[in-house]
Amino acid sequence: MPQDPNTQFDQTVLEMIEHSPIGAVPFTPTYQDAIKRLYASHQVYPDSDHKNGHVTARSLAKKLHFQANNLESVIVGKITPDQLENNGSIFDRYVKSLPVALQAKAEGFRLTVAGKVAHHRAKIVGKEKIVVAHDPIHTLFLVPGAGPNPGLPGNYLHGAAAQLRATDDSPWSVHVHDADDGDALIELATMAEALAKVVEVMECSPFKMDELEALGFTLK
């Protein structure tokens, strides 16, 4: 079977992007045609850190994922979900992984991405403090990828698995977002299904958000 005559040139363009500090290629028709092919085959994504820049999927595949460091312990039932690493701590690890030049910009997304600290409301019965209510569980994750808008610094998408109400029988949702209004959503009946979906999403990264439709997500 004859090789696609564009394959070798497209590989050259991939290497050019990876060796460019801003992910740039020439604005000539030949190079732009190659970029279109590479986007169509999900080998290249928009670079969130450089205007008009690009980043390759194989570069993003080398990046870290960030999720609760004890997520697996919740999945296998060793600990309860209220013991999950908090979102602020997960976000801290993400920020520290970035080049210093990007850390301040990433910090600007902290409230949007990590949210407020969850609270457990308690009352005193005799000498004992008893938790009588808690905020719905919400656990953050960040994965490399791209959305309809630029991602977070470092080319990250952020998402969360969350209870829809603070009860043991609550349904759950899993969202994935870019840095603006890009949103992919799936609702699931149980925590086990939601956390399994988070693991599936992390295992599939890097990706462009529209690829999540294959995993049952709806793009908003």
C-alpha atoms as a PDB file:
ATOM      1  CA  MET A   1       0.000   0.000   0.000  1.00  0.00           C
ATOM      2  CA  PRO A   2       1.572   3.333  -1.049  1.00  0.00           C
ATOM      3  CA  GLN A   3       2.419   5.757   1.759  1.00  0.00           C
ATOM      4  CA  ASP A   4       0.480   9.017   1.980  1.00  0.00           C
ATOM      5  CA  PRO A   5       2.779  11.573   0.304  1.00  0.00           C
ATOM      6  CA  ASN A   6       1.982  14.074   3.070  1.00  0.00           C
ATOM      7  CA  THR A   7       3.094  11.789   5.915  1.00  0.00           C
ATOM      8  CA  GLN A   8       6.780  12.676   5.889  1.00  0.00           C
ATOM      9  CA  PHE A   9       6.117  16.410   5.672  1.00  0.00           C
ATOM     10  CA  ASP A  10       3.529  16.235   8.464  1.00  0.00           C
ATOM     11  CA  GLN A  11       6.094  14.513  10.673  1.00  0.00           C
ATOM     12  CA  THR A  12       8.530  17.302   9.909  1.00  0.00           C
ATOM     13  CA  VAL A  13       5.908  19.851  10.976  1.00  0.00           C
ATOM     14  CA  LEU A  14       5.298  17.946  14.225  1.00  0.00           C
ATOM     15  CA  GLU A  15       9.007  18.101  15.010  1.00  0.00           C
ATOM     16  CA  MET A  16       9.090  21.795  14.120  1.00  0.00           C
ATOM     17  CA  ILE A  17       6.278  22.505  16.602  1.00  0.00           C
ATOM     18  CA  GLU A  18       7.999  20.521  19.336  1.00  0.00           C
ATOM     19  CA  HIS A  19      11.282  22.360  18.841  1.00  0.00           C
ATOM     20  CA  SER A  20       9.706  25.820  18.670  1.00  0.00           C
ATOM     21  CA  PRO A  21       9.492  27.675  22.020  1.00  0.00           C
ATOM     22  CA  ILE A  22       6.109  29.048  20.950  1.00  0.00           C
ATOM     23  CA  GLY A  23       4.808  26.096  18.923  1.00  0.00           C
ATOM     24  CA  ALA A  24       4.909  28.076  15.681  1.00  0.00           C
ATOM     25  CA  VAL A  25       5.061  27.099  12.016  1.00  0.00           C
ATOM     26  CA  PRO A  26       5.278  29.329   8.920  1.00  0.00           C
ATOM     27  CA  PHE A  27       2.046  30.908   7.667  1.00  0.00           C
ATOM     28  CA  THR A  28       2.437  29.513   4.173  1.00  0.00           C
ATOM     29  CA  PRO A  29      -0.238  27.410   2.445  1.00  0.00           C
ATOM     30  CA  THR A  30       1.856  24.233   2.536  1.00  0.00           C
ATOM     31  CA  TYR A  31       2.469  24.438   6.270  1.00  0.00           C
ATOM     32  CA  GLN A  32      -1.087  25.506   7.069  1.00  0.00           C
ATOM     33  CA  ASP A  33      -2.452  22.568   5.068  1.00  0.00           C
ATOM     34  CA  ALA A  34      -0.245  20.286   7.169  1.00  0.00           C
ATOM     35  CA  ILE A  35      -1.586  21.895  10.350  1.00  0.00           C
ATOM     36  CA  LYS A  36      -5.163  21.237   9.213  1.00  0.00           C
ATOM     37  CA  ARG A  37      -4.353  17.568   8.619  1.00  0.00           C
ATOM     38  CA  LEU A  38      -2.629  17.261  11.997  1.00  0.00           C
ATOM     39  CA  TYR A  39      -5.587  18.846  13.792  1.00  0.00           C
ATOM     40  CA  ALA A  40      -8.014  16.569  11.960  1.00  0.00           C
ATOM     41  CA  SER A  41      -6.030  13.516  13.077  1.00  0.00           C
ATOM     42  CA  HIS A  42      -5.788  14.815  16.685  1.00  0.00           C
ATOM     43  CA  GLN A  43      -1.989  14.958  16.552  1.00  0.00           C
ATOM     44  CA  VAL A  44      -1.886  18.700  17.243  1.00  0.00           C
ATOM     45  CA  TYR A  45      -3.904  21.000  19.534  1.00  0.00           C
ATOM     46  CA  PRO A  46      -3.997  24.768  20.151  1.00  0.00           C
ATOM     47  CA  ASP A  47      -1.300  25.901  22.588  1.00  0.00           C
ATOM     48  CA  SER A  48      -2.951  27.668  25.542  1.00  0.00           C
ATOM     49  CA  ASP A  49       0.294  29.434  26.438  1.00  0.00           C
ATOM     50  CA  HIS A  50       1.157  31.019  23.068  1.00  0.00           C
ATOM     51  CA  LYS A  51      -1.224  32.874  20.766  1.00  0.00           C
ATOM     52  CA  ASN A  52      -1.475  31.134  17.395  1.00  0.00           C
ATOM     53  CA  GLY A  53       0.844  28.417  18.688  1.00  0.00           C
ATOM     54  CA  HIS A  54       0.341  24.671  18.574  1.00  0.00           C
ATOM     55  CA  VAL A  55       1.245  21.756  20.819  1.00  0.00           C
ATOM     56  CA  THR A  56       1.555  18.115  19.808  1.00  0.00           C
ATOM     57  CA  ALA A  57      -0.376  15.250  21.348  1.00  0.00           C
ATOM     58  CA  ARG A  58       2.852  13.359  21.942  1.00  0.00           C
ATOM     59  CA  SER A  59       4.204  16.298  23.955  1.00  0.00           C
ATOM     60  CA  LEU A  60       1.022  16.481  26.030  1.00  0.00           C
ATOM     61  CA  ALA A  61       1.151  12.725  26.622  1.00  0.00           C
ATOM     62  CA  LYS A  62       4.334  13.268  28.666  1.00  0.00           C
ATOM     63  CA  LYS A  63       2.606  15.636  31.087  1.00  0.00           C
ATOM     64  CA  LEU A  64       1.422  14.744  34.569  1.00  0.00           C
ATOM     65  CA  HIS A  65      -2.198  14.155  35.569  1.00  0.00           C
ATOM     66  CA  PHE A  66      -3.528  15.650  38.781  1.00  0.00           C
ATOM     67  CA  GLN A  67      -6.264  14.085  40.886  1.00  0.00           C
ATOM     68  CA  ALA A  68      -6.787  13.296  44.562  1.00  0.00           C
ATOM     69  CA  ASN A  69      -3.693  11.365  45.607  1.00  0.00           C
ATOM     70  CA  ASN A  70      -5.896   8.893  47.484  1.00  0.00           C
ATOM     71  CA  LEU A  71      -8.555   8.487  44.782  1.00  0.00           C
ATOM     72  CA  GLU A  72      -7.696   4.822  44.314  1.00  0.00           C
ATOM     73  CA  SER A  73      -8.209   4.204  48.046  1.00  0.00           C
ATOM     74  CA  VAL A  74     -11.761   5.575  47.765  1.00  0.00           C
ATOM     75  CA  ILE A  75     -12.455   3.502  44.655  1.00  0.00           C
ATOM     76  CA  VAL A  76     -11.453   0.264  46.391  1.00  0.00           C
ATOM     77  CA  GLY A  77     -13.232   1.202  49.621  1.00  0.00           C
ATOM     78  CA  LYS A  78     -10.220   1.665  51.910  1.00  0.00           C
ATOM     79  CA  ILE A  79     -11.326   5.168  52.904  1.00  0.00           C
ATOM     80  CA  THR A  80     -14.534   7.170  52.679  1.00  0.00           C
ATOM     81  CA  PRO A  81     -14.970   9.882  50.030  1.00  0.00           C
ATOM     82  CA  ASP A  82     -14.939  12.684  52.605  1.00  0.00           C
ATOM     83  CA  GLN A  83     -11.258  11.803  53.173  1.00  0.00           C
ATOM     84  CA  LEU A  84     -10.244  12.605  49.598  1.00  0.00           C
ATOM     85  CA  GLU A  85      -7.344  15.010  49.179  1.00  0.00           C
ATOM     86  CA  ASN A  86      -8.892  18.472  49.031  1.00  0.00           C
ATOM     87  CA  ASN A  87      -9.134  20.422  45.806  1.00  0.00           C
ATOM     88  CA  GLY A  88      -6.819  23.182  46.995  1.00  0.00           C
ATOM     89  CA  SER A  89      -4.028  20.682  47.570  1.00  0.00           C
ATOM     90  CA  ILE A  90      -4.552  19.105  44.133  1.00  0.00           C
ATOM     91  CA  PHE A  91      -4.441  22.566  42.552  1.00  0.00           C
ATOM     92  CA  ASP A  92      -1.250  23.389  44.485  1.00  0.00           C
ATOM     93  CA  ARG A  93       0.479  20.391  42.920  1.00  0.00           C
ATOM     94  CA  TYR A  94      -0.658  21.446  39.445  1.00  0.00           C
ATOM     95  CA  VAL A  95       0.666  25.003  39.902  1.00  0.00           C
ATOM     96  CA  LYS A  96       4.024  23.797  41.238  1.00  0.00           C
ATOM     97  CA  SER A  97       4.470  21.561  38.189  1.00  0.00           C
ATOM     98  CA  LEU A  98       4.372  24.556  35.818  1.00  0.00           C
ATOM     99  CA  PRO A  99       7.293  26.718  34.718  1.00  0.00           C
ATOM    100  CA  VAL A 100       7.676  29.686  37.068  1.00  0.00           C
ATOM    101  CA  ALA A 101       6.583  32.068  34.302  1.00  0.00           C
ATOM    102  CA  LEU A 102       3.140  30.396  34.168  1.00  0.00           C
ATOM    103  CA  GLN A 103       2.464  29.944  37.868  1.00  0.00           C
ATOM    104  CA  ALA A 104       1.016  33.393  38.570  1.00  0.00           C
ATOM    105  CA  LYS A 105      -1.381  33.071  35.636  1.00  0.00           C
ATOM    106  CA  ALA A 106      -2.455  29.634  36.858  1.00  0.00           C
ATOM    107  CA  GLU A 107      -3.113  31.029  40.344  1.00  0.00           C
ATOM    108  CA  GLY A 108      -5.661  33.366  38.779  1.00  0.00           C
ATOM    109  CA  PHE A 109      -7.845  30.320  38.063  1.00  0.00           C
ATOM    110  CA  ARG A 110      -7.704  28.912  41.601  1.00  0.00           C
ATOM    111  CA  LEU A 111     -11.201  29.912  42.756  1.00  0.00           C
ATOM    112  CA  THR A 112     -12.814  28.906  39.459  1.00  0.00           C
ATOM    113  CA  VAL A 113     -11.074  25.545  39.295  1.00  0.00           C
ATOM    114  CA  ALA A 114     -10.542  24.466  42.911  1.00  0.00           C
ATOM    115  CA  GLY A 115     -13.554  26.264  44.368  1.00  0.00           C
ATOM    116  CA  LYS A 116     -14.204  26.859  48.027  1.00  0.00           C
ATOM    117  CA  VAL A 117     -13.281  24.465  50.797  1.00  0.00           C
ATOM    118  CA  ALA A 118     -16.005  21.892  51.544  1.00  0.00           C
ATOM    119  CA  HIS A 119     -17.477  22.163  55.018  1.00  0.00           C
ATOM    120  CA  HIS A 120     -18.775  19.586  57.466  1.00  0.00           C
ATOM    121  CA  ARG A 121     -21.484  20.991  59.732  1.00  0.00           C
ATOM    122  CA  ALA A 122     -21.517  19.568  63.241  1.00  0.00           C
ATOM    123  CA  LYS A 123     -23.378  19.886  66.507  1.00  0.00           C
ATOM    124  CA  ILE A 124     -22.347  19.031  70.066  1.00  0.00           C
ATOM    125  CA  VAL A 125     -24.291  16.184  71.699  1.00  0.00           C
ATOM    126  CA  GLY A 126     -23.119  15.849  75.279  1.00  0.00           C
ATOM    127  CA  LYS A 127     -19.344  15.872  74.966  1.00  0.00           C
ATOM    128  CA  GLU A 128     -19.280  14.568  71.409  1.00  0.00           C
ATOM    129  CA  LYS A 129     -19.121  16.519  68.162  1.00  0.00           C
ATOM    130  CA  ILE A 130     -21.346  14.821  65.583  1.00  0.00           C
ATOM    131  CA  VAL A 131     -21.352  15.703  61.888  1.00  0.00           C
ATOM    132  CA  VAL A 132     -24.959  16.298  60.907  1.00  0.00           C
ATOM    133  CA  ALA A 133     -24.476  17.547  57.347  1.00  0.00           C
ATOM    134  CA  HIS A 134     -21.768  18.129  54.777  1.00  0.00           C
ATOM    135  CA  ASP A 135     -21.377  19.888  51.478  1.00  0.00           C
ATOM    136  CA  PRO A 136     -21.742  17.633  48.420  1.00  0.00           C
ATOM    137  CA  ILE A 137     -18.466  15.885  47.629  1.00  0.00           C
ATOM    138  CA  HIS A 138     -16.522  17.499  44.787  1.00  0.00           C
ATOM    139  CA  THR A 139     -13.139  16.151  43.691  1.00  0.00           C
ATOM    140  CA  LEU A 140     -10.939  17.917  41.174  1.00  0.00           C
ATOM    141  CA  PHE A 141      -8.799  16.491  38.391  1.00  0.00           C
ATOM    142  CA  LEU A 142      -6.631  18.102  35.698  1.00  0.00           C
ATOM    143  CA  VAL A 143      -5.484  16.447  32.479  1.00  0.00           C
ATOM    144  CA  PRO A 144      -3.573  17.648  29.413  1.00  0.00           C
ATOM    145  CA  GLY A 145      -5.737  18.483  26.425  1.00  0.00           C
ATOM    146  CA  ALA A 146      -7.651  21.189  24.612  1.00  0.00           C
ATOM    147  CA  GLY A 147     -11.191  22.508  24.366  1.00  0.00           C
ATOM    148  CA  PRO A 148     -13.128  24.855  22.102  1.00  0.00           C
ATOM    149  CA  ASN A 149     -11.316  27.635  24.017  1.00  0.00           C
ATOM    150  CA  PRO A 150      -7.722  27.695  25.295  1.00  0.00           C
ATOM    151  CA  GLY A 151      -6.996  25.485  28.271  1.00  0.00           C
ATOM    152  CA  LEU A 152      -5.412  26.377  31.588  1.00  0.00           C
ATOM    153  CA  PRO A 153      -1.707  27.289  31.645  1.00  0.00           C
ATOM    154  CA  GLY A 154       0.379  24.304  30.672  1.00  0.00           C
ATOM    155  CA  ASN A 155      -2.353  23.121  28.263  1.00  0.00           C
ATOM    156  CA  TYR A 156      -4.577  21.564  30.903  1.00  0.00           C
ATOM    157  CA  LEU A 157      -8.275  20.848  31.057  1.00  0.00           C
ATOM    158  CA  HIS A 158      -9.899  20.724  34.479  1.00  0.00           C
ATOM    159  CA  GLY A 159     -12.805  18.663  35.649  1.00  0.00           C
ATOM    160  CA  ALA A 160     -14.499  17.231  38.692  1.00  0.00           C
ATOM    161  CA  ALA A 161     -16.642  14.386  39.898  1.00  0.00           C
ATOM    162  CA  ALA A 162     -19.367  15.741  42.154  1.00  0.00           C
ATOM    163  CA  GLN A 163     -22.399  14.656  44.131  1.00  0.00           C
ATOM    164  CA  LEU A 164     -25.542  16.397  42.930  1.00  0.00           C
ATOM    165  CA  ARG A 165     -26.823  16.487  46.522  1.00  0.00           C
ATOM    166  CA  ALA A 166     -25.264  15.671  49.888  1.00  0.00           C
ATOM    167  CA  THR A 167     -26.921  12.293  50.457  1.00  0.00           C
ATOM    168  CA  ASP A 168     -25.594   8.741  50.258  1.00  0.00           C
ATOM    169  CA  ASP A 169     -27.963   7.888  47.399  1.00  0.00           C
ATOM    170  CA  SER A 170     -27.148  11.013  45.386  1.00  0.00           C
ATOM    171  CA  PRO A 171     -26.493  10.764  41.656  1.00  0.00           C
ATOM    172  CA  TRP A 172     -23.150  12.164  40.476  1.00  0.00           C
ATOM    173  CA  SER A 173     -21.851  14.207  37.579  1.00  0.00           C
ATOM    174  CA  VAL A 174     -18.474  14.444  35.890  1.00  0.00           C
ATOM    175  CA  HIS A 175     -17.604  17.708  34.142  1.00  0.00           C
ATOM    176  CA  VAL A 176     -14.595  18.634  31.996  1.00  0.00           C
ATOM    177  CA  HIS A 177     -13.836  22.299  31.221  1.00  0.00           C
ATOM    178  CA  ASP A 178     -11.358  24.420  29.332  1.00  0.00           C
ATOM    179  CA  ALA A 179     -10.338  27.840  30.674  1.00  0.00           C
ATOM    180  CA  ASP A 180     -13.529  29.532  29.436  1.00  0.00           C
ATOM    181  CA  ASP A 181     -17.050  28.201  28.803  1.00  0.00           C
ATOM    182  CA  GLY A 182     -16.184  24.871  27.195  1.00  0.00           C
ATOM    183  CA  ASP A 183     -18.002  22.170  29.165  1.00  0.00           C
ATOM    184  CA  ALA A 184     -18.470  18.429  28.683  1.00  0.00           C
ATOM    185  CA  LEU A 185     -20.867  16.675  31.077  1.00  0.00           C
ATOM    186  CA  ILE A 186     -22.019  13.201  31.973  1.00  0.00           C
ATOM    187  CA  GLU A 187     -24.402  12.280  34.808  1.00  0.00           C
ATOM    188  CA  LEU A 188     -24.100   8.913  36.520  1.00  0.00           C
ATOM    189  CA  ALA A 189     -26.147   7.070  39.132  1.00  0.00           C
ATOM    190  CA  THR A 190     -23.442   6.289  41.673  1.00  0.00           C
ATOM    191  CA  MET A 191     -20.108   7.436  43.050  1.00  0.00           C
ATOM    192  CA  ALA A 192     -18.458   4.243  41.800  1.00  0.00           C
ATOM    193  CA  GLU A 193     -19.541   4.978  38.233  1.00  0.00           C
ATOM    194  CA  ALA A 194     -18.429   8.607  38.478  1.00  0.00           C
ATOM    195  CA  LEU A 195     -14.970   7.813  39.837  1.00  0.00           C
ATOM    196  CA  ALA A 196     -14.531   5.060  37.247  1.00  0.00           C
ATOM    197  CA  LYS A 197     -15.363   7.648  34.572  1.00  0.00           C
ATOM    198  CA  VAL A 198     -12.716  10.012  35.986  1.00  0.00           C
ATOM    199  CA  VAL A 199     -10.129   7.243  35.689  1.00  0.00           C
ATOM    200  CA  GLU A 200     -11.274   6.523  32.120  1.00  0.00           C
ATOM    201  CA  VAL A 201     -10.947  10.217  31.189  1.00  0.00           C
ATOM    202  CA  MET A 202      -7.436  10.403  32.637  1.00  0.00           C
ATOM    203  CA  GLU A 203      -6.393   7.256  30.807  1.00  0.00           C
ATOM    204  CA  CYS A 204      -7.650   8.702  27.491  1.00  0.00           C
ATOM    205  CA  SER A 205      -5.782  12.009  27.747  1.00  0.00           C
ATOM    206  CA  PRO A 206      -4.558  13.994  25.988  1.00  0.00           C
ATOM    207  CA  PHE A 207      -7.677  14.752  23.986  1.00  0.00           C
ATOM    208  CA  LYS A 208      -9.780  17.528  22.541  1.00  0.00           C
ATOM    209  CA  MET A 209     -13.015  17.887  24.478  1.00  0.00           C
ATOM    210  CA  ASP A 210     -15.250  16.876  21.574  1.00  0.00           C
ATOM    211  CA  GLU A 211     -13.572  13.454  21.686  1.00  0.00           C
ATOM    212  CA  LEU A 212     -15.270  12.896  25.058  1.00  0.00           C
ATOM    213  CA  GLU A 213     -18.551  12.278  23.236  1.00  0.00           C
ATOM    214  CA  ALA A 214     -17.204   8.759  22.578  1.00  0.00           C
ATOM    215  CA  LEU A 215     -17.155   8.272  26.375  1.00  0.00           C
ATOM    216  CA  GLY A 216     -20.783   9.348  26.756  1.00  0.00           C
ATOM    217  CA  PHE A 217     -20.244  13.035  27.536  1.00  0.00           C
ATOM    218  CA  THR A 218     -22.466  15.795  26.175  1.00  0.00           C
ATOM    219  CA  LEU A 219     -20.803  19.039  25.093  1.00  0.00           C
ATOM    220  CA  LYS A 220     -22.484  22.150  26.448  1.00  0.00           C
END
